[in-house]
Amino acid sequence: MRLGLALGYWGRGPGSGHLALAQEAERLGYASVWTAEAWGSDAFTPLTWIAAHTSRIRLGTAVAQMAARSPTTTAMHALTLDHLCGGRFLLGLGLSGPQVVEGWYGRPFPRSPLTATREYVDVVRQVLRREAPVTLDGRFHPLPYAGDDGTGLGRPLKPITHPLRADLPVLLGAEGPKNVAQTTRIADGWLPLYWSPTRPDAYGTALTALPDGFLVAPLVRAQVCDDVTEGLAPVKAMLGFYIGGMGHASRNFHADLMARMGYADEARRIQELFRAGRREEAVAAVPDAFADEISLVGPRERIAERLEPWRTGPVTDLLVLTSDPRTLRVLADLVA
């Protein structure tokens, strides 16, 4: 099991310690560093900055939002950054949800998310292979565009720049069982947002026969500390926001996943409290047990013991979400 550093996305401003953390992770032998985006900082620009100040560590997006860019634009970002970093880039993509896609990007959320994802990856793969001009008779990403409001003058193109790697890895963030199953068929890896090593059945049966070389790279918040309750506080804050606020009452993929993991009543209560404006109560309603099973928190000895189930499952890369250099060092020592 390899280690990665997950930096997430910026809050109110740039993460002042992100570059130093990435450099420390590279020094410690971490295999990868990952950035993200929501509706603030983008995923590619910070990763380019990190690429310029490192030499070995792989660089991934976990995740770049599909609605933010056409698939050809995303492929251009990928091939450009892959050249600049010498073939260290991994492209992690995610569909996001209706609230972000329609509220921030001003686009309709696809009524068939599986089809939209499949078409998007198809176009990205075509660009990176550069075998022929890119074409797709697609429902969501047709190329060339042939809609009634177009000119009809579009023609198939292939990238002017030759990609460094035709097989640049593409990973997908997926939560529903059908989406996870498709991910194992069309992508090179999967980026679970919440992963419990004791509940792999929450994602369906797709993980029982993974393709050779397929990456399973969950994000896990980690913190070496004496007080487990204190260490779980940021995990619960994150869960309260995602379960309660990152979605609608009728369509929240994060809440659905929490329910499949055995916490349906708790997920509904978190949503109710968050929608009522009682955010602190929503965070407090997150069960410690749920926060604990998807994170690695506590003294070194406790983390060492809890690491074992992560090692024995399908996880190939553990993406550690922390801003604490000591935690990075402890995990590097434990996983070595």
C-alpha atoms as a PDB file:
ATOM      1  CA  MET A   1       0.000   0.000   0.000  1.00  0.00           C
ATOM      2  CA  ARG A   2       1.494   3.298  -1.138  1.00  0.00           C
ATOM      3  CA  LEU A   3       0.974   6.628   0.591  1.00  0.00           C
ATOM      4  CA  GLY A   4      -0.238   9.847  -0.959  1.00  0.00           C
ATOM      5  CA  LEU A   5      -0.728  13.335   0.451  1.00  0.00           C
ATOM      6  CA  ALA A   6      -4.180  14.858  -0.094  1.00  0.00           C
ATOM      7  CA  LEU A   7      -4.155  18.651   0.123  1.00  0.00           C
ATOM      8  CA  GLY A   8      -7.805  19.196  -0.782  1.00  0.00           C
ATOM      9  CA  TYR A   9      -8.935  22.600  -2.007  1.00  0.00           C
ATOM     10  CA  TRP A  10      -8.209  26.032  -0.597  1.00  0.00           C
ATOM     11  CA  GLY A  11     -10.446  27.669   1.960  1.00  0.00           C
ATOM     12  CA  ARG A  12     -10.512  31.459   2.209  1.00  0.00           C
ATOM     13  CA  GLY A  13      -7.075  31.704   0.641  1.00  0.00           C
ATOM     14  CA  PRO A  14      -4.028  29.747  -0.489  1.00  0.00           C
ATOM     15  CA  GLY A  15      -2.813  26.960   1.746  1.00  0.00           C
ATOM     16  CA  SER A  16       0.414  28.578   2.928  1.00  0.00           C
ATOM     17  CA  GLY A  17       1.975  25.286   3.982  1.00  0.00           C
ATOM     18  CA  HIS A  18       0.926  23.142   1.036  1.00  0.00           C
ATOM     19  CA  LEU A  19       4.193  23.347  -0.878  1.00  0.00           C
ATOM     20  CA  ALA A  20       6.268  22.524   2.194  1.00  0.00           C
ATOM     21  CA  LEU A  21       3.986  19.580   2.981  1.00  0.00           C
ATOM     22  CA  ALA A  22       4.320  18.269  -0.574  1.00  0.00           C
ATOM     23  CA  GLN A  23       8.096  18.560  -0.430  1.00  0.00           C
ATOM     24  CA  GLU A  24       8.165  16.792   2.942  1.00  0.00           C
ATOM     25  CA  ALA A  25       5.951  14.034   1.557  1.00  0.00           C
ATOM     26  CA  GLU A  26       8.345  13.574  -1.362  1.00  0.00           C
ATOM     27  CA  ARG A  27      11.307  13.435   1.041  1.00  0.00           C
ATOM     28  CA  LEU A  28       9.507  10.791   3.117  1.00  0.00           C
ATOM     29  CA  GLY A  29       8.870   8.604   0.087  1.00  0.00           C
ATOM     30  CA  TYR A  30       5.185   9.319  -0.466  1.00  0.00           C
ATOM     31  CA  ALA A  31       4.141   8.172  -3.917  1.00  0.00           C
ATOM     32  CA  SER A  32       1.780  11.015  -4.795  1.00  0.00           C
ATOM     33  CA  VAL A  33       0.270  14.381  -3.860  1.00  0.00           C
ATOM     34  CA  TRP A  34      -3.303  15.395  -4.735  1.00  0.00           C
ATOM     35  CA  THR A  35      -5.250  18.634  -5.045  1.00  0.00           C
ATOM     36  CA  ALA A  36      -9.003  19.223  -5.329  1.00  0.00           C
ATOM     37  CA  GLU A  37     -11.572  21.859  -6.248  1.00  0.00           C
ATOM     38  CA  ALA A  38     -15.076  22.837  -5.170  1.00  0.00           C
ATOM     39  CA  TRP A  39     -16.217  26.405  -5.962  1.00  0.00           C
ATOM     40  CA  GLY A  40     -13.082  28.377  -5.187  1.00  0.00           C
ATOM     41  CA  SER A  41      -9.537  27.347  -6.062  1.00  0.00           C
ATOM     42  CA  ASP A  42      -9.030  25.082  -9.058  1.00  0.00           C
ATOM     43  CA  ALA A  43      -7.208  21.756  -8.947  1.00  0.00           C
ATOM     44  CA  PHE A  44      -4.668  22.188 -11.748  1.00  0.00           C
ATOM     45  CA  THR A  45      -2.916  25.474 -10.912  1.00  0.00           C
ATOM     46  CA  PRO A  46      -1.690  24.529  -7.389  1.00  0.00           C
ATOM     47  CA  LEU A  47      -0.567  21.163  -8.745  1.00  0.00           C
ATOM     48  CA  THR A  48       1.498  22.896 -11.431  1.00  0.00           C
ATOM     49  CA  TRP A  49       3.189  24.997  -8.742  1.00  0.00           C
ATOM     50  CA  ILE A  50       3.977  21.879  -6.735  1.00  0.00           C
ATOM     51  CA  ALA A  51       5.276  20.149  -9.871  1.00  0.00           C
ATOM     52  CA  ALA A  52       7.773  22.971 -10.389  1.00  0.00           C
ATOM     53  CA  HIS A  53       9.170  22.487  -6.865  1.00  0.00           C
ATOM     54  CA  THR A  54       9.370  18.673  -6.731  1.00  0.00           C
ATOM     55  CA  SER A  55      11.060  16.065  -8.878  1.00  0.00           C
ATOM     56  CA  ARG A  56       9.782  12.549  -8.130  1.00  0.00           C
ATOM     57  CA  ILE A  57       6.394  12.538  -6.449  1.00  0.00           C
ATOM     58  CA  ARG A  58       3.387  11.868  -8.689  1.00  0.00           C
ATOM     59  CA  LEU A  59       0.771  14.605  -8.980  1.00  0.00           C
ATOM     60  CA  GLY A  60      -2.970  13.974  -9.087  1.00  0.00           C
ATOM     61  CA  THR A  61      -6.314  15.738  -9.060  1.00  0.00           C
ATOM     62  CA  ALA A  62      -8.746  14.315  -6.506  1.00  0.00           C
ATOM     63  CA  VAL A  63     -10.883  15.485  -8.058  1.00  0.00           C
ATOM     64  CA  ALA A  64     -11.217  17.828 -11.032  1.00  0.00           C
ATOM     65  CA  GLN A  65     -14.892  18.491 -11.674  1.00  0.00           C
ATOM     66  CA  MET A  66     -16.174  17.422 -15.076  1.00  0.00           C
ATOM     67  CA  ALA A  67     -18.762  20.195 -15.247  1.00  0.00           C
ATOM     68  CA  ALA A  68     -16.001  22.814 -14.966  1.00  0.00           C
ATOM     69  CA  ARG A  69     -14.494  21.984 -18.341  1.00  0.00           C
ATOM     70  CA  SER A  70     -15.324  20.266 -21.579  1.00  0.00           C
ATOM     71  CA  PRO A  71     -13.569  16.885 -21.856  1.00  0.00           C
ATOM     72  CA  THR A  72     -11.188  18.243 -24.499  1.00  0.00           C
ATOM     73  CA  THR A  73     -10.258  21.143 -22.198  1.00  0.00           C
ATOM     74  CA  THR A  74      -9.552  18.723 -19.369  1.00  0.00           C
ATOM     75  CA  ALA A  75      -7.438  16.599 -21.697  1.00  0.00           C
ATOM     76  CA  MET A  76      -5.483  19.729 -22.677  1.00  0.00           C
ATOM     77  CA  HIS A  77      -4.810  20.471 -19.003  1.00  0.00           C
ATOM     78  CA  ALA A  78      -3.699  16.884 -18.470  1.00  0.00           C
ATOM     79  CA  LEU A  79      -1.349  16.616 -21.430  1.00  0.00           C
ATOM     80  CA  THR A  80       0.160  20.036 -20.694  1.00  0.00           C
ATOM     81  CA  LEU A  81       0.835  19.332 -17.037  1.00  0.00           C
ATOM     82  CA  ASP A  82       2.088  15.835 -17.824  1.00  0.00           C
ATOM     83  CA  HIS A  83       4.733  17.345 -20.110  1.00  0.00           C
ATOM     84  CA  LEU A  84       5.717  19.979 -17.549  1.00  0.00           C
ATOM     85  CA  CYS A  85       6.171  17.453 -14.732  1.00  0.00           C
ATOM     86  CA  GLY A  86       7.901  14.778 -16.810  1.00  0.00           C
ATOM     87  CA  GLY A  87       5.111  12.189 -16.845  1.00  0.00           C
ATOM     88  CA  ARG A  88       4.120  12.327 -13.187  1.00  0.00           C
ATOM     89  CA  PHE A  89       0.481  13.379 -13.605  1.00  0.00           C
ATOM     90  CA  LEU A  90      -2.636  11.362 -12.692  1.00  0.00           C
ATOM     91  CA  LEU A  91      -6.027  12.671 -13.808  1.00  0.00           C
ATOM     92  CA  GLY A  92      -8.734  12.232 -11.193  1.00  0.00           C
ATOM     93  CA  LEU A  93     -12.231  13.257 -12.281  1.00  0.00           C
ATOM     94  CA  GLY A  94     -15.574  13.597 -10.546  1.00  0.00           C
ATOM     95  CA  LEU A  95     -19.081  14.473 -11.670  1.00  0.00           C
ATOM     96  CA  SER A  96     -19.991  16.441  -8.500  1.00  0.00           C
ATOM     97  CA  GLY A  97     -23.712  16.927  -7.735  1.00  0.00           C
ATOM     98  CA  PRO A  98     -26.684  18.923  -9.005  1.00  0.00           C
ATOM     99  CA  GLN A  99     -26.219  21.778  -6.532  1.00  0.00           C
ATOM    100  CA  VAL A 100     -22.677  22.513  -7.721  1.00  0.00           C
ATOM    101  CA  VAL A 101     -23.147  21.661 -11.400  1.00  0.00           C
ATOM    102  CA  GLU A 102     -26.253  23.810 -11.792  1.00  0.00           C
ATOM    103  CA  GLY A 103     -25.619  26.371  -9.071  1.00  0.00           C
ATOM    104  CA  TRP A 104     -21.958  27.110  -9.775  1.00  0.00           C
ATOM    105  CA  TYR A 105     -21.246  25.996 -13.337  1.00  0.00           C
ATOM    106  CA  GLY A 106     -24.653  26.889 -14.732  1.00  0.00           C
ATOM    107  CA  ARG A 107     -25.095  23.610 -16.546  1.00  0.00           C
ATOM    108  CA  PRO A 108     -27.813  20.970 -16.253  1.00  0.00           C
ATOM    109  CA  PHE A 109     -26.868  17.999 -14.141  1.00  0.00           C
ATOM    110  CA  PRO A 110     -26.958  15.000 -16.502  1.00  0.00           C
ATOM    111  CA  ARG A 111     -30.057  12.867 -16.184  1.00  0.00           C
ATOM    112  CA  SER A 112     -27.893   9.869 -16.981  1.00  0.00           C
ATOM    113  CA  PRO A 113     -24.699  10.385 -14.937  1.00  0.00           C
ATOM    114  CA  LEU A 114     -23.206   7.057 -15.988  1.00  0.00           C
ATOM    115  CA  THR A 115     -23.532   7.913 -19.678  1.00  0.00           C
ATOM    116  CA  ALA A 116     -22.167  11.418 -19.180  1.00  0.00           C
ATOM    117  CA  THR A 117     -19.138  10.064 -17.300  1.00  0.00           C
ATOM    118  CA  ARG A 118     -18.518   7.357 -19.887  1.00  0.00           C
ATOM    119  CA  GLU A 119     -18.619   9.869 -22.759  1.00  0.00           C
ATOM    120  CA  TYR A 120     -16.329  12.276 -20.915  1.00  0.00           C
ATOM    121  CA  VAL A 121     -13.678   9.628 -20.311  1.00  0.00           C
ATOM    122  CA  ASP A 122     -13.988   8.430 -23.904  1.00  0.00           C
ATOM    123  CA  VAL A 123     -13.165  11.902 -25.255  1.00  0.00           C
ATOM    124  CA  VAL A 124     -10.253  12.367 -22.839  1.00  0.00           C
ATOM    125  CA  ARG A 125      -8.825   8.982 -23.876  1.00  0.00           C
ATOM    126  CA  GLN A 126      -9.129   9.864 -27.573  1.00  0.00           C
ATOM    127  CA  VAL A 127      -7.242  13.124 -27.079  1.00  0.00           C
ATOM    128  CA  LEU A 128      -4.448  11.423 -25.151  1.00  0.00           C
ATOM    129  CA  ARG A 129      -4.100   8.604 -27.686  1.00  0.00           C
ATOM    130  CA  ARG A 130      -3.970  11.086 -30.586  1.00  0.00           C
ATOM    131  CA  GLU A 131      -4.643   8.312 -33.060  1.00  0.00           C
ATOM    132  CA  ALA A 132      -7.225  10.245 -35.078  1.00  0.00           C
ATOM    133  CA  PRO A 133      -9.385  13.371 -34.918  1.00  0.00           C
ATOM    134  CA  VAL A 134     -11.685  13.220 -31.905  1.00  0.00           C
ATOM    135  CA  THR A 135     -15.275  12.294 -32.670  1.00  0.00           C
ATOM    136  CA  LEU A 136     -18.154  11.155 -30.531  1.00  0.00           C
ATOM    137  CA  ASP A 137     -21.775  10.592 -31.394  1.00  0.00           C
ATOM    138  CA  GLY A 138     -22.672  11.345 -27.809  1.00  0.00           C
ATOM    139  CA  ARG A 139     -25.681  12.517 -25.859  1.00  0.00           C
ATOM    140  CA  PHE A 140     -23.760  14.844 -23.553  1.00  0.00           C
ATOM    141  CA  HIS A 141     -20.402  15.445 -25.233  1.00  0.00           C
ATOM    142  CA  PRO A 142     -20.900  15.222 -29.022  1.00  0.00           C
ATOM    143  CA  LEU A 143     -17.920  16.070 -31.181  1.00  0.00           C
ATOM    144  CA  PRO A 144     -18.105  17.872 -33.520  1.00  0.00           C
ATOM    145  CA  TYR A 145     -21.093  19.783 -32.151  1.00  0.00           C
ATOM    146  CA  ALA A 146     -24.139  19.238 -34.344  1.00  0.00           C
ATOM    147  CA  GLY A 147     -26.939  20.984 -32.440  1.00  0.00           C
ATOM    148  CA  ASP A 148     -29.588  23.046 -34.160  1.00  0.00           C
ATOM    149  CA  ASP A 149     -28.126  26.221 -32.662  1.00  0.00           C
ATOM    150  CA  GLY A 150     -24.686  25.581 -34.169  1.00  0.00           C
ATOM    151  CA  THR A 151     -23.208  26.672 -37.490  1.00  0.00           C
ATOM    152  CA  GLY A 152     -22.570  23.174 -38.766  1.00  0.00           C
ATOM    153  CA  LEU A 153     -18.981  24.199 -39.544  1.00  0.00           C
ATOM    154  CA  GLY A 154     -17.237  22.233 -36.818  1.00  0.00           C
ATOM    155  CA  ARG A 155     -14.805  19.586 -37.938  1.00  0.00           C
ATOM    156  CA  PRO A 156     -13.024  16.786 -36.070  1.00  0.00           C
ATOM    157  CA  LEU A 157      -9.618  17.757 -34.698  1.00  0.00           C
ATOM    158  CA  LYS A 158      -6.798  16.066 -32.871  1.00  0.00           C
ATOM    159  CA  PRO A 159      -4.439  17.842 -30.498  1.00  0.00           C
ATOM    160  CA  ILE A 160      -1.650  19.895 -32.018  1.00  0.00           C
ATOM    161  CA  THR A 161       0.565  18.953 -29.080  1.00  0.00           C
ATOM    162  CA  HIS A 162       1.613  15.327 -28.929  1.00  0.00           C
ATOM    163  CA  PRO A 163       0.717  13.959 -25.470  1.00  0.00           C
ATOM    164  CA  LEU A 164       3.640  12.606 -23.504  1.00  0.00           C
ATOM    165  CA  ARG A 165       1.710   9.446 -22.566  1.00  0.00           C
ATOM    166  CA  ALA A 166      -1.244   7.876 -24.338  1.00  0.00           C
ATOM    167  CA  ASP A 167      -1.898   5.797 -21.224  1.00  0.00           C
ATOM    168  CA  LEU A 168      -1.931   8.643 -18.706  1.00  0.00           C
ATOM    169  CA  PRO A 169      -3.917   7.213 -15.756  1.00  0.00           C
ATOM    170  CA  VAL A 170      -7.526   8.329 -15.405  1.00  0.00           C
ATOM    171  CA  LEU A 171      -9.206   7.825 -12.027  1.00  0.00           C
ATOM    172  CA  LEU A 172     -12.817   8.537 -11.094  1.00  0.00           C
ATOM    173  CA  GLY A 173     -14.493   9.644  -7.918  1.00  0.00           C
ATOM    174  CA  ALA A 174     -17.624   7.510  -7.579  1.00  0.00           C
ATOM    175  CA  GLU A 175     -19.988   6.680  -4.732  1.00  0.00           C
ATOM    176  CA  GLY A 176     -22.988   4.700  -5.997  1.00  0.00           C
ATOM    177  CA  PRO A 177     -22.572   0.960  -6.686  1.00  0.00           C
ATOM    178  CA  LYS A 178     -23.389   1.324 -10.400  1.00  0.00           C
ATOM    179  CA  ASN A 179     -20.966   4.216 -10.756  1.00  0.00           C
ATOM    180  CA  VAL A 180     -18.233   2.264  -8.960  1.00  0.00           C
ATOM    181  CA  ALA A 181     -18.858  -0.759 -11.172  1.00  0.00           C
ATOM    182  CA  GLN A 182     -18.549   1.380 -14.309  1.00  0.00           C
ATOM    183  CA  THR A 183     -15.382   2.952 -12.922  1.00  0.00           C
ATOM    184  CA  THR A 184     -13.711  -0.459 -12.740  1.00  0.00           C
ATOM    185  CA  ARG A 185     -14.505  -0.937 -16.442  1.00  0.00           C
ATOM    186  CA  ILE A 186     -13.570   2.427 -17.969  1.00  0.00           C
ATOM    187  CA  ALA A 187     -10.945   3.946 -15.650  1.00  0.00           C
ATOM    188  CA  ASP A 188      -7.514   3.100 -14.276  1.00  0.00           C
ATOM    189  CA  GLY A 189      -8.493   3.724 -10.692  1.00  0.00           C
ATOM    190  CA  TRP A 190     -11.109   4.777  -8.170  1.00  0.00           C
ATOM    191  CA  LEU A 191     -11.034   7.628  -5.646  1.00  0.00           C
ATOM    192  CA  PRO A 192     -13.458   6.823  -2.790  1.00  0.00           C
ATOM    193  CA  LEU A 193     -14.418   9.824  -0.688  1.00  0.00           C
ATOM    194  CA  TYR A 194     -15.389   7.751   2.347  1.00  0.00           C
ATOM    195  CA  TRP A 195     -13.822   4.340   2.716  1.00  0.00           C
ATOM    196  CA  SER A 196     -14.384   1.968   5.586  1.00  0.00           C
ATOM    197  CA  PRO A 197     -12.135  -1.108   5.434  1.00  0.00           C
ATOM    198  CA  THR A 198     -14.818  -3.072   7.273  1.00  0.00           C
ATOM    199  CA  ARG A 199     -17.675  -2.208   4.875  1.00  0.00           C
ATOM    200  CA  PRO A 200     -16.540  -2.809   1.270  1.00  0.00           C
ATOM    201  CA  ASP A 201     -20.028  -4.149   0.496  1.00  0.00           C
ATOM    202  CA  ALA A 202     -21.335  -0.568   0.679  1.00  0.00           C
ATOM    203  CA  TYR A 203     -19.984  -0.104  -2.840  1.00  0.00           C
ATOM    204  CA  GLY A 204     -21.555  -3.205  -4.353  1.00  0.00           C
ATOM    205  CA  THR A 205     -19.797  -6.241  -5.764  1.00  0.00           C
ATOM    206  CA  ALA A 206     -17.482  -4.440  -8.213  1.00  0.00           C
ATOM    207  CA  LEU A 207     -14.476  -4.699  -5.907  1.00  0.00           C
ATOM    208  CA  THR A 208     -14.421  -8.494  -5.856  1.00  0.00           C
ATOM    209  CA  ALA A 209     -12.661  -8.818  -9.225  1.00  0.00           C
ATOM    210  CA  LEU A 210     -10.655  -5.719 -10.052  1.00  0.00           C
ATOM    211  CA  PRO A 211      -8.570  -5.446 -13.247  1.00  0.00           C
ATOM    212  CA  ASP A 212      -4.823  -5.904 -12.912  1.00  0.00           C
ATOM    213  CA  GLY A 213      -3.137  -2.658 -11.945  1.00  0.00           C
ATOM    214  CA  PHE A 214      -6.371  -0.951 -10.952  1.00  0.00           C
ATOM    215  CA  LEU A 215      -5.822   1.735  -8.311  1.00  0.00           C
ATOM    216  CA  VAL A 216      -8.048   2.081  -5.262  1.00  0.00           C
ATOM    217  CA  ALA A 217      -7.059   5.346  -3.601  1.00  0.00           C
ATOM    218  CA  PRO A 218      -9.346   6.500  -0.769  1.00  0.00           C
ATOM    219  CA  LEU A 219      -8.911   9.794   1.027  1.00  0.00           C
ATOM    220  CA  VAL A 220      -8.449   9.385   4.774  1.00  0.00           C
ATOM    221  CA  ARG A 221      -8.157  12.198   7.284  1.00  0.00           C
ATOM    222  CA  ALA A 222      -5.310  11.393   9.658  1.00  0.00           C
ATOM    223  CA  GLN A 223      -4.070  13.002  12.842  1.00  0.00           C
ATOM    224  CA  VAL A 224      -1.556  11.775  15.401  1.00  0.00           C
ATOM    225  CA  CYS A 225      -2.843  13.056  18.746  1.00  0.00           C
ATOM    226  CA  ASP A 226      -3.445  11.948  22.316  1.00  0.00           C
ATOM    227  CA  ASP A 227      -7.160  12.809  22.428  1.00  0.00           C
ATOM    228  CA  VAL A 228      -9.197  10.759  19.942  1.00  0.00           C
ATOM    229  CA  THR A 229     -12.323  12.849  20.460  1.00  0.00           C
ATOM    230  CA  GLU A 230     -10.399  16.013  19.675  1.00  0.00           C
ATOM    231  CA  GLY A 231      -8.810  14.384  16.655  1.00  0.00           C
ATOM    232  CA  LEU A 232     -12.209  13.376  15.291  1.00  0.00           C
ATOM    233  CA  ALA A 233     -13.584  16.927  15.500  1.00  0.00           C
ATOM    234  CA  PRO A 234     -12.426  18.007  12.006  1.00  0.00           C
ATOM    235  CA  VAL A 235     -13.631  14.696  10.561  1.00  0.00           C
ATOM    236  CA  LYS A 236     -17.088  15.302  12.016  1.00  0.00           C
ATOM    237  CA  ALA A 237     -17.058  18.903  10.777  1.00  0.00           C
ATOM    238  CA  MET A 238     -16.292  17.707   7.256  1.00  0.00           C
ATOM    239  CA  LEU A 239     -18.969  15.034   7.391  1.00  0.00           C
ATOM    240  CA  GLY A 240     -21.551  17.437   8.798  1.00  0.00           C
ATOM    241  CA  PHE A 241     -20.945  19.804   5.896  1.00  0.00           C
ATOM    242  CA  TYR A 242     -20.912  17.146   3.175  1.00  0.00           C
ATOM    243  CA  ILE A 243     -23.827  15.122   4.518  1.00  0.00           C
ATOM    244  CA  GLY A 244     -25.883  18.137   5.505  1.00  0.00           C
ATOM    245  CA  GLY A 245     -24.934  20.832   3.029  1.00  0.00           C
ATOM    246  CA  MET A 246     -23.413  19.311  -0.104  1.00  0.00           C
ATOM    247  CA  GLY A 247     -26.679  18.267  -1.674  1.00  0.00           C
ATOM    248  CA  HIS A 248     -30.439  18.538  -1.589  1.00  0.00           C
ATOM    249  CA  ALA A 249     -32.700  16.625   0.765  1.00  0.00           C
ATOM    250  CA  SER A 250     -33.939  14.588  -2.182  1.00  0.00           C
ATOM    251  CA  ARG A 251     -30.547  14.044  -3.831  1.00  0.00           C
ATOM    252  CA  ASN A 252     -27.391  13.878  -1.759  1.00  0.00           C
ATOM    253  CA  PHE A 253     -24.897  11.245  -2.850  1.00  0.00           C
ATOM    254  CA  HIS A 254     -22.875  11.616   0.359  1.00  0.00           C
ATOM    255  CA  ALA A 255     -25.915  11.032   2.566  1.00  0.00           C
ATOM    256  CA  ASP A 256     -26.899   8.046   0.425  1.00  0.00           C
ATOM    257  CA  LEU A 257     -23.474   6.495   0.937  1.00  0.00           C
ATOM    258  CA  MET A 258     -23.596   7.093   4.684  1.00  0.00           C
ATOM    259  CA  ALA A 259     -26.963   5.326   4.731  1.00  0.00           C
ATOM    260  CA  ARG A 260     -25.550   2.331   2.840  1.00  0.00           C
ATOM    261  CA  MET A 261     -22.776   2.182   5.409  1.00  0.00           C
ATOM    262  CA  GLY A 262     -25.309   1.602   8.160  1.00  0.00           C
ATOM    263  CA  TYR A 263     -26.117   5.118   9.331  1.00  0.00           C
ATOM    264  CA  ALA A 264     -29.361   5.981   7.516  1.00  0.00           C
ATOM    265  CA  ASP A 265     -31.168   7.527  10.492  1.00  0.00           C
ATOM    266  CA  GLU A 266     -28.130   9.558  11.469  1.00  0.00           C
ATOM    267  CA  ALA A 267     -27.698  10.845   7.902  1.00  0.00           C
ATOM    268  CA  ARG A 268     -31.305  12.055   7.811  1.00  0.00           C
ATOM    269  CA  ARG A 269     -30.905  13.788  11.173  1.00  0.00           C
ATOM    270  CA  ILE A 270     -27.732  15.574  10.041  1.00  0.00           C
ATOM    271  CA  GLN A 271     -29.547  16.812   6.937  1.00  0.00           C
ATOM    272  CA  GLU A 272     -32.523  18.034   8.954  1.00  0.00           C
ATOM    273  CA  LEU A 273     -30.345  19.966  11.369  1.00  0.00           C
ATOM    274  CA  PHE A 274     -28.179  21.479   8.657  1.00  0.00           C
ATOM    275  CA  ARG A 275     -31.194  22.611   6.613  1.00  0.00           C
ATOM    276  CA  ALA A 276     -32.650  24.205   9.738  1.00  0.00           C
ATOM    277  CA  GLY A 277     -29.509  26.311  10.120  1.00  0.00           C
ATOM    278  CA  ARG A 278     -28.370  24.369  13.187  1.00  0.00           C
ATOM    279  CA  ARG A 279     -24.946  23.569  11.836  1.00  0.00           C
ATOM    280  CA  GLU A 280     -23.140  22.977  15.101  1.00  0.00           C
ATOM    281  CA  GLU A 281     -25.832  20.490  16.083  1.00  0.00           C
ATOM    282  CA  ALA A 282     -25.521  18.824  12.669  1.00  0.00           C
ATOM    283  CA  VAL A 283     -21.818  18.296  13.242  1.00  0.00           C
ATOM    284  CA  ALA A 284     -22.435  17.006  16.756  1.00  0.00           C
ATOM    285  CA  ALA A 285     -24.982  14.533  15.318  1.00  0.00           C
ATOM    286  CA  VAL A 286     -22.289  12.820  13.245  1.00  0.00           C
ATOM    287  CA  PRO A 287     -21.620   9.538  15.088  1.00  0.00           C
ATOM    288  CA  ASP A 288     -18.105   9.259  16.470  1.00  0.00           C
ATOM    289  CA  ALA A 289     -18.110   5.636  15.324  1.00  0.00           C
ATOM    290  CA  PHE A 290     -18.703   6.607  11.691  1.00  0.00           C
ATOM    291  CA  ALA A 291     -16.089   9.370  11.741  1.00  0.00           C
ATOM    292  CA  ASP A 292     -13.630   6.977  13.360  1.00  0.00           C
ATOM    293  CA  GLU A 293     -13.998   4.108  10.919  1.00  0.00           C
ATOM    294  CA  ILE A 294     -13.233   6.275   7.872  1.00  0.00           C
ATOM    295  CA  SER A 295     -10.239   8.067   9.443  1.00  0.00           C
ATOM    296  CA  LEU A 296      -6.956   7.352  11.226  1.00  0.00           C
ATOM    297  CA  VAL A 297      -6.897   9.362  14.423  1.00  0.00           C
ATOM    298  CA  GLY A 298      -5.241   8.997  17.817  1.00  0.00           C
ATOM    299  CA  PRO A 299      -1.885   8.005  19.310  1.00  0.00           C
ATOM    300  CA  ARG A 300       0.701   6.299  17.131  1.00  0.00           C
ATOM    301  CA  GLU A 301      -0.056   2.865  18.600  1.00  0.00           C
ATOM    302  CA  ARG A 302      -3.779   3.205  17.873  1.00  0.00           C
ATOM    303  CA  ILE A 303      -3.159   4.282  14.282  1.00  0.00           C
ATOM    304  CA  ALA A 304      -0.734   1.391  13.780  1.00  0.00           C
ATOM    305  CA  GLU A 305      -3.387  -1.066  14.936  1.00  0.00           C
ATOM    306  CA  ARG A 306      -6.153   0.485  12.836  1.00  0.00           C
ATOM    307  CA  LEU A 307      -3.974   0.503   9.722  1.00  0.00           C
ATOM    308  CA  GLU A 308      -4.032  -3.276   9.412  1.00  0.00           C
ATOM    309  CA  PRO A 309      -7.518  -3.613   7.837  1.00  0.00           C
ATOM    310  CA  TRP A 310      -6.575  -0.951   5.288  1.00  0.00           C
ATOM    311  CA  ARG A 311      -3.565  -3.031   4.259  1.00  0.00           C
ATOM    312  CA  THR A 312      -5.471  -6.288   3.793  1.00  0.00           C
ATOM    313  CA  GLY A 313      -8.237  -4.937   1.514  1.00  0.00           C
ATOM    314  CA  PRO A 314      -8.153  -3.648  -2.075  1.00  0.00           C
ATOM    315  CA  VAL A 315      -6.587  -0.278  -1.210  1.00  0.00           C
ATOM    316  CA  THR A 316      -3.459   0.371  -3.284  1.00  0.00           C
ATOM    317  CA  ASP A 317      -2.882   4.013  -2.338  1.00  0.00           C
ATOM    318  CA  LEU A 318      -3.846   5.681   0.939  1.00  0.00           C
ATOM    319  CA  LEU A 319      -4.303   9.418   0.364  1.00  0.00           C
ATOM    320  CA  VAL A 320      -3.621  11.080   3.700  1.00  0.00           C
ATOM    321  CA  LEU A 321      -5.503  14.306   4.337  1.00  0.00           C
ATOM    322  CA  THR A 322      -3.527  16.232   6.960  1.00  0.00           C
ATOM    323  CA  SER A 323      -1.671  19.496   7.455  1.00  0.00           C
ATOM    324  CA  ASP A 324       0.566  18.034  10.158  1.00  0.00           C
ATOM    325  CA  PRO A 325       4.147  17.080   9.180  1.00  0.00           C
ATOM    326  CA  ARG A 326       4.431  14.817  12.228  1.00  0.00           C
ATOM    327  CA  THR A 327       1.433  12.783  11.063  1.00  0.00           C
ATOM    328  CA  LEU A 328       3.044  12.445   7.646  1.00  0.00           C
ATOM    329  CA  ARG A 329       6.220  11.132   9.230  1.00  0.00           C
ATOM    330  CA  VAL A 330       4.446   8.663  11.526  1.00  0.00           C
ATOM    331  CA  LEU A 331       2.435   7.161   8.670  1.00  0.00           C
ATOM    332  CA  ALA A 332       5.520   6.940   6.481  1.00  0.00           C
ATOM    333  CA  ASP A 333       7.230   4.980   9.246  1.00  0.00           C
ATOM    334  CA  LEU A 334       4.225   2.705   9.862  1.00  0.00           C
ATOM    335  CA  VAL A 335       3.636   1.884   6.202  1.00  0.00           C
ATOM    336  CA  ALA A 336       7.303   1.433   5.274  1.00  0.00           C
END
